[in-house]
């Protein structure tokens, strides 16, 4: 759903990597770049760490977004 919504809004969408860690979506449009992690829930500490670890390693000062579904 997230992928198709971003596509509908005209963003170029890729999957990001920081070292060995994956970022679910990196979307770009007119010089804007936003990182998105999507997870069903964040009720366990392990899940929180797993989802945020790649985002915290991004060093380019673009916004980091987390969508909890």
PDB file of N, CA and C in Angstrom:
ATOM      1  N   UNK A   1       0.815  -1.186   0.000  1.00  0.00           N
ATOM      2  CA  UNK A   1       0.000   0.000   0.000  1.00  0.00           C
ATOM      3  C   UNK A   1       0.869   1.265   0.000  1.00  0.00           C
ATOM      4  N   UNK A   2       1.895   1.261   0.825  1.00  0.00           N
ATOM      5  CA  UNK A   2       2.777   2.429   0.894  1.00  0.00           C
ATOM      6  C   UNK A   2       3.432   2.656  -0.458  1.00  0.00           C
ATOM      7  N   UNK A   3       3.940   1.602  -1.039  1.00  0.00           N
ATOM      8  CA  UNK A   3       4.605   1.698  -2.342  1.00  0.00           C
ATOM      9  C   UNK A   3       3.686   2.341  -3.380  1.00  0.00           C
ATOM     10  N   UNK A   4       2.466   1.835  -3.481  1.00  0.00           N
ATOM     11  CA  UNK A   4       1.554   2.335  -4.505  1.00  0.00           C
ATOM     12  C   UNK A   4       1.101   3.769  -4.233  1.00  0.00           C
ATOM     13  N   UNK A   5       0.964   4.143  -2.978  1.00  0.00           N
ATOM     14  CA  UNK A   5       0.603   5.525  -2.654  1.00  0.00           C
ATOM     15  C   UNK A   5       1.717   6.488  -3.062  1.00  0.00           C
ATOM     16  N   UNK A   6       2.952   6.119  -2.767  1.00  0.00           N
ATOM     17  CA  UNK A   6       4.077   6.977  -3.149  1.00  0.00           C
ATOM     18  C   UNK A   6       4.210   7.056  -4.668  1.00  0.00           C
ATOM     19  N   UNK A   7       3.997   5.948  -5.331  1.00  0.00           N
ATOM     20  CA  UNK A   7       4.033   5.923  -6.792  1.00  0.00           C
ATOM     21  C   UNK A   7       2.938   6.825  -7.365  1.00  0.00           C
ATOM     22  N   UNK A   8       1.755   6.753  -6.799  1.00  0.00           N
ATOM     23  CA  UNK A   8       0.632   7.580  -7.244  1.00  0.00           C
ATOM     24  C   UNK A   8       0.949   9.069  -7.101  1.00  0.00           C
ATOM     25  N   UNK A   9       1.714   9.409  -6.068  1.00  0.00           N
ATOM     26  CA  UNK A   9       2.081  10.807  -5.821  1.00  0.00           C
ATOM     27  C   UNK A   9       3.271  11.274  -6.666  1.00  0.00           C
ATOM     28  N   UNK A  10       3.777  10.391  -7.517  1.00  0.00           N
ATOM     29  CA  UNK A  10       4.808  10.793  -8.464  1.00  0.00           C
ATOM     30  C   UNK A  10       6.232  10.648  -7.975  1.00  0.00           C
ATOM     31  N   UNK A  11       6.457   9.882  -6.923  1.00  0.00           N
ATOM     32  CA  UNK A  11       7.810   9.693  -6.407  1.00  0.00           C
ATOM     33  C   UNK A  11       8.524   8.567  -7.147  1.00  0.00           C
ATOM     34  N   UNK A  12       9.827   8.727  -7.309  1.00  0.00           N
ATOM     35  CA  UNK A  12      10.698   7.641  -7.763  1.00  0.00           C
ATOM     36  C   UNK A  12      10.994   6.820  -6.514  1.00  0.00           C
ATOM     37  N   UNK A  13      10.786   5.513  -6.578  1.00  0.00           N
ATOM     38  CA  UNK A  13      10.886   4.679  -5.384  1.00  0.00           C
ATOM     39  C   UNK A  13      11.961   3.626  -5.568  1.00  0.00           C
ATOM     40  N   UNK A  14      12.831   3.504  -4.566  1.00  0.00           N
ATOM     41  CA  UNK A  14      13.850   2.461  -4.556  1.00  0.00           C
ATOM     42  C   UNK A  14      13.896   1.841  -3.168  1.00  0.00           C
ATOM     43  N   UNK A  15      14.636   0.757  -3.059  1.00  0.00           N
ATOM     44  CA  UNK A  15      14.931   0.145  -1.765  1.00  0.00           C
ATOM     45  C   UNK A  15      16.322   0.602  -1.390  1.00  0.00           C
ATOM     46  N   UNK A  16      16.493   1.000  -0.137  1.00  0.00           N
ATOM     47  CA  UNK A  16      17.792   1.507   0.287  1.00  0.00           C
ATOM     48  C   UNK A  16      18.581   0.496   1.090  1.00  0.00           C
ATOM     49  N   UNK A  17      19.882   0.669   1.111  1.00  0.00           N
ATOM     50  CA  UNK A  17      20.770  -0.158   1.924  1.00  0.00           C
ATOM     51  C   UNK A  17      21.788   0.734   2.612  1.00  0.00           C
ATOM     52  N   UNK A  18      22.025   0.438   3.863  1.00  0.00           N
ATOM     53  CA  UNK A  18      23.080   1.094   4.629  1.00  0.00           C
ATOM     54  C   UNK A  18      23.899  -0.048   5.214  1.00  0.00           C
ATOM     55  N   UNK A  19      25.054  -0.308   4.642  1.00  0.00           N
ATOM     56  CA  UNK A  19      25.819  -1.485   5.053  1.00  0.00           C
ATOM     57  C   UNK A  19      25.013  -2.731   4.737  1.00  0.00           C
ATOM     58  N   UNK A  20      24.811  -3.575   5.744  1.00  0.00           N
ATOM     59  CA  UNK A  20      24.041  -4.806   5.580  1.00  0.00           C
ATOM     60  C   UNK A  20      22.565  -4.622   5.889  1.00  0.00           C
ATOM     61  N   UNK A  21      22.137  -3.405   6.170  1.00  0.00           N
ATOM     62  CA  UNK A  21      20.764  -3.148   6.597  1.00  0.00           C
ATOM     63  C   UNK A  21      19.941  -2.571   5.455  1.00  0.00           C
ATOM     64  N   UNK A  22      18.688  -2.991   5.392  1.00  0.00           N
ATOM     65  CA  UNK A  22      17.790  -2.558   4.328  1.00  0.00           C
ATOM     66  C   UNK A  22      16.834  -1.481   4.829  1.00  0.00           C
ATOM     67  N   UNK A  23      16.597  -0.493   3.990  1.00  0.00           N
ATOM     68  CA  UNK A  23      15.560   0.505   4.227  1.00  0.00           C
ATOM     69  C   UNK A  23      14.439   0.172   3.259  1.00  0.00           C
ATOM     70  N   UNK A  24      13.223   0.005   3.786  1.00  0.00           N
ATOM     71  CA  UNK A  24      12.106  -0.473   2.969  1.00  0.00           C
ATOM     72  C   UNK A  24      11.881   0.368   1.720  1.00  0.00           C
ATOM     73  N   UNK A  25      11.796   1.676   1.872  1.00  0.00           N
ATOM     74  CA  UNK A  25      11.576   2.552   0.724  1.00  0.00           C
ATOM     75  C   UNK A  25      12.413   3.810   0.862  1.00  0.00           C
ATOM     76  N   UNK A  26      13.015   4.213  -0.243  1.00  0.00           N
ATOM     77  CA  UNK A  26      13.618   5.538  -0.355  1.00  0.00           C
ATOM     78  C   UNK A  26      12.863   6.186  -1.495  1.00  0.00           C
ATOM     79  N   UNK A  27      12.204   7.290  -1.213  1.00  0.00           N
ATOM     80  CA  UNK A  27      11.499   7.919  -2.315  1.00  0.00           C
ATOM     81  C   UNK A  27      12.013   9.316  -2.559  1.00  0.00           C
ATOM     82  N   UNK A  28      12.030   9.660  -3.865  1.00  0.00           N
ATOM     83  CA  UNK A  28      12.659  10.901  -4.311  1.00  0.00           C
ATOM     84  C   UNK A  28      11.723  11.633  -5.261  1.00  0.00           C
ATOM     85  N   UNK A  29      11.748  12.953  -5.140  1.00  0.00           N
ATOM     86  CA  UNK A  29      10.961  13.792  -6.040  1.00  0.00           C
ATOM     87  C   UNK A  29      11.448  15.225  -5.903  1.00  0.00           C
ATOM     88  N   UNK A  30      11.891  15.809  -6.994  1.00  0.00           N
ATOM     89  CA  UNK A  30      12.301  17.214  -7.031  1.00  0.00           C
ATOM     90  C   UNK A  30      13.296  17.576  -5.920  1.00  0.00           C
ATOM     91  N   UNK A  31      14.335  16.779  -5.780  1.00  0.00           N
ATOM     92  CA  UNK A  31      15.373  17.058  -4.794  1.00  0.00           C
ATOM     93  C   UNK A  31      15.053  16.614  -3.383  1.00  0.00           C
ATOM     94  N   UNK A  32      13.865  16.124  -3.148  1.00  0.00           N
ATOM     95  CA  UNK A  32      13.467  15.633  -1.827  1.00  0.00           C
ATOM     96  C   UNK A  32      13.770  14.138  -1.753  1.00  0.00           C
ATOM     97  N   UNK A  33      14.272  13.699  -0.622  1.00  0.00           N
ATOM     98  CA  UNK A  33      14.534  12.273  -0.419  1.00  0.00           C
ATOM     99  C   UNK A  33      14.034  11.918   0.980  1.00  0.00           C
ATOM    100  N   UNK A  34      13.191  10.886   1.053  1.00  0.00           N
ATOM    101  CA  UNK A  34      12.625  10.481   2.338  1.00  0.00           C
ATOM    102  C   UNK A  34      12.772   8.972   2.481  1.00  0.00           C
ATOM    103  N   UNK A  35      13.182   8.559   3.676  1.00  0.00           N
ATOM    104  CA  UNK A  35      13.379   7.147   3.998  1.00  0.00           C
ATOM    105  C   UNK A  35      12.189   6.655   4.809  1.00  0.00           C
ATOM    106  N   UNK A  36      11.670   5.476   4.432  1.00  0.00           N
ATOM    107  CA  UNK A  36      10.472   4.952   5.087  1.00  0.00           C
ATOM    108  C   UNK A  36      10.700   3.497   5.478  1.00  0.00           C
ATOM    109  N   UNK A  37      10.416   3.178   6.728  1.00  0.00           N
ATOM    110  CA  UNK A  37      10.367   1.802   7.195  1.00  0.00           C
ATOM    111  C   UNK A  37       8.906   1.487   7.473  1.00  0.00           C
ATOM    112  N   UNK A  38       8.469   0.312   7.082  1.00  0.00           N
ATOM    113  CA  UNK A  38       7.093  -0.105   7.298  1.00  0.00           C
ATOM    114  C   UNK A  38       7.116  -1.379   8.124  1.00  0.00           C
ATOM    115  N   UNK A  39       6.316  -1.392   9.181  1.00  0.00           N
ATOM    116  CA  UNK A  39       6.217  -2.585  10.017  1.00  0.00           C
ATOM    117  C   UNK A  39       4.789  -2.718  10.518  1.00  0.00           C
ATOM    118  N   UNK A  40       4.395  -3.926  10.789  1.00  0.00           N
ATOM    119  CA  UNK A  40       3.031  -4.168  11.271  1.00  0.00           C
ATOM    120  C   UNK A  40       2.855  -3.657  12.689  1.00  0.00           C
ATOM    121  N   UNK A  41       3.858  -3.868  13.532  1.00  0.00           N
ATOM    122  CA  UNK A  41       3.776  -3.373  14.906  1.00  0.00           C
ATOM    123  C   UNK A  41       5.166  -3.176  15.492  1.00  0.00           C
ATOM    124  N   UNK A  42       5.240  -2.320  16.496  1.00  0.00           N
ATOM    125  CA  UNK A  42       6.511  -2.024  17.166  1.00  0.00           C
ATOM    126  C   UNK A  42       6.402  -2.317  18.655  1.00  0.00           C
ATOM    127  N   UNK A  43       5.760  -3.415  19.008  1.00  0.00           N
ATOM    128  CA  UNK A  43       5.528  -3.694  20.425  1.00  0.00           C
ATOM    129  C   UNK A  43       6.691  -4.425  21.094  1.00  0.00           C
ATOM    130  N   UNK A  44       7.635  -4.938  20.321  1.00  0.00           N
ATOM    131  CA  UNK A  44       8.770  -5.658  20.897  1.00  0.00           C
ATOM    132  C   UNK A  44      10.059  -4.869  20.679  1.00  0.00           C
ATOM    133  N   UNK A  45      10.901  -4.863  21.671  1.00  0.00           N
ATOM    134  CA  UNK A  45      12.167  -4.129  21.602  1.00  0.00           C
ATOM    135  C   UNK A  45      13.024  -4.589  20.419  1.00  0.00           C
ATOM    136  N   UNK A  46      13.029  -5.884  20.148  1.00  0.00           N
ATOM    137  CA  UNK A  46      13.815  -6.406  19.019  1.00  0.00           C
ATOM    138  C   UNK A  46      13.339  -5.829  17.683  1.00  0.00           C
ATOM    139  N   UNK A  47      12.025  -5.724  17.525  1.00  0.00           N
ATOM    140  CA  UNK A  47      11.465  -5.171  16.290  1.00  0.00           C
ATOM    141  C   UNK A  47      11.818  -3.698  16.149  1.00  0.00           C
ATOM    142  N   UNK A  48      11.721  -2.964  17.234  1.00  0.00           N
ATOM    143  CA  UNK A  48      12.068  -1.538  17.213  1.00  0.00           C
ATOM    144  C   UNK A  48      13.514  -1.360  16.782  1.00  0.00           C
ATOM    145  N   UNK A  49      14.401  -2.133  17.383  1.00  0.00           N
ATOM    146  CA  UNK A  49      15.826  -2.034  17.041  1.00  0.00           C
ATOM    147  C   UNK A  49      16.070  -2.401  15.576  1.00  0.00           C
ATOM    148  N   UNK A  50      15.431  -3.477  15.120  1.00  0.00           N
ATOM    149  CA  UNK A  50      15.619  -3.940  13.745  1.00  0.00           C
ATOM    150  C   UNK A  50      15.132  -2.895  12.734  1.00  0.00           C
ATOM    151  N   UNK A  51      14.008  -2.244  13.014  1.00  0.00           N
ATOM    152  CA  UNK A  51      13.437  -1.275  12.078  1.00  0.00           C
ATOM    153  C   UNK A  51      14.185   0.055  12.071  1.00  0.00           C
ATOM    154  N   UNK A  52      14.660   0.494  13.233  1.00  0.00           N
ATOM    155  CA  UNK A  52      15.301   1.801  13.307  1.00  0.00           C
ATOM    156  C   UNK A  52      16.803   1.774  13.039  1.00  0.00           C
ATOM    157  N   UNK A  53      17.440   0.627  13.201  1.00  0.00           N
ATOM    158  CA  UNK A  53      18.893   0.531  13.008  1.00  0.00           C
ATOM    159  C   UNK A  53      19.344   1.091  11.654  1.00  0.00           C
ATOM    160  N   UNK A  54      18.742   0.680  10.531  1.00  0.00           N
ATOM    161  CA  UNK A  54      19.219   1.235   9.261  1.00  0.00           C
ATOM    162  C   UNK A  54      18.958   2.735   9.135  1.00  0.00           C
ATOM    163  N   UNK A  55      17.857   3.217   9.671  1.00  0.00           N
ATOM    164  CA  UNK A  55      17.544   4.643   9.578  1.00  0.00           C
ATOM    165  C   UNK A  55      18.536   5.486  10.361  1.00  0.00           C
ATOM    166  N   UNK A  56      18.958   4.979  11.499  1.00  0.00           N
ATOM    167  CA  UNK A  56      19.900   5.723  12.331  1.00  0.00           C
ATOM    168  C   UNK A  56      21.294   5.779  11.720  1.00  0.00           C
ATOM    169  N   UNK A  57      21.564   4.907  10.757  1.00  0.00           N
ATOM    170  CA  UNK A  57      22.870   4.895  10.099  1.00  0.00           C
ATOM    171  C   UNK A  57      22.925   5.787   8.855  1.00  0.00           C
ATOM    172  N   UNK A  58      21.803   6.321   8.444  1.00  0.00           N
ATOM    173  CA  UNK A  58      21.767   7.233   7.296  1.00  0.00           C
ATOM    174  C   UNK A  58      22.444   8.531   7.708  1.00  0.00           C
ATOM    175  N   UNK A  59      23.377   9.002   6.902  1.00  0.00           N
ATOM    176  CA  UNK A  59      24.184  10.172   7.275  1.00  0.00           C
ATOM    177  C   UNK A  59      24.041  11.347   6.317  1.00  0.00           C
ATOM    178  N   UNK A  60      22.952  11.419   5.562  1.00  0.00           N
ATOM    179  CA  UNK A  60      22.863  12.499   4.572  1.00  0.00           C
ATOM    180  C   UNK A  60      21.880  13.611   4.932  1.00  0.00           C
ATOM    181  N   UNK A  61      21.364  13.605   6.150  1.00  0.00           N
ATOM    182  CA  UNK A  61      20.512  14.681   6.658  1.00  0.00           C
ATOM    183  C   UNK A  61      19.165  14.815   5.967  1.00  0.00           C
ATOM    184  N   UNK A  62      18.712  13.793   5.277  1.00  0.00           N
ATOM    185  CA  UNK A  62      17.360  13.824   4.741  1.00  0.00           C
ATOM    186  C   UNK A  62      16.409  13.329   5.823  1.00  0.00           C
ATOM    187  N   UNK A  63      15.117  13.668   5.728  1.00  0.00           N
ATOM    188  CA  UNK A  63      14.168  13.224   6.755  1.00  0.00           C
ATOM    189  C   UNK A  63      14.054  11.710   6.798  1.00  0.00           C
ATOM    190  N   UNK A  64      13.820  11.196   7.978  1.00  0.00           N
ATOM    191  CA  UNK A  64      13.602   9.775   8.188  1.00  0.00           C
ATOM    192  C   UNK A  64      12.180   9.619   8.702  1.00  0.00           C
ATOM    193  N   UNK A  65      11.388   8.765   8.049  1.00  0.00           N
ATOM    194  CA  UNK A  65       9.993   8.577   8.443  1.00  0.00           C
ATOM    195  C   UNK A  65       9.757   7.118   8.785  1.00  0.00           C
ATOM    196  N   UNK A  66       8.913   6.871   9.769  1.00  0.00           N
ATOM    197  CA  UNK A  66       8.517   5.520  10.129  1.00  0.00           C
ATOM    198  C   UNK A  66       7.008   5.458  10.070  1.00  0.00           C
ATOM    199  N   UNK A  67       6.472   4.506   9.317  1.00  0.00           N
ATOM    200  CA  UNK A  67       5.031   4.323   9.234  1.00  0.00           C
ATOM    201  C   UNK A  67       4.713   3.010   9.914  1.00  0.00           C
ATOM    202  N   UNK A  68       3.984   3.062  11.011  1.00  0.00           N
ATOM    203  CA  UNK A  68       3.614   1.874  11.769  1.00  0.00           C
ATOM    204  C   UNK A  68       2.203   1.482  11.373  1.00  0.00           C
ATOM    205  N   UNK A  69       2.046   0.331  10.757  1.00  0.00           N
ATOM    206  CA  UNK A  69       0.728  -0.144  10.317  1.00  0.00           C
ATOM    207  C   UNK A  69       0.246  -1.224  11.232  1.00  0.00           C
TER     208      UNK A  69
END
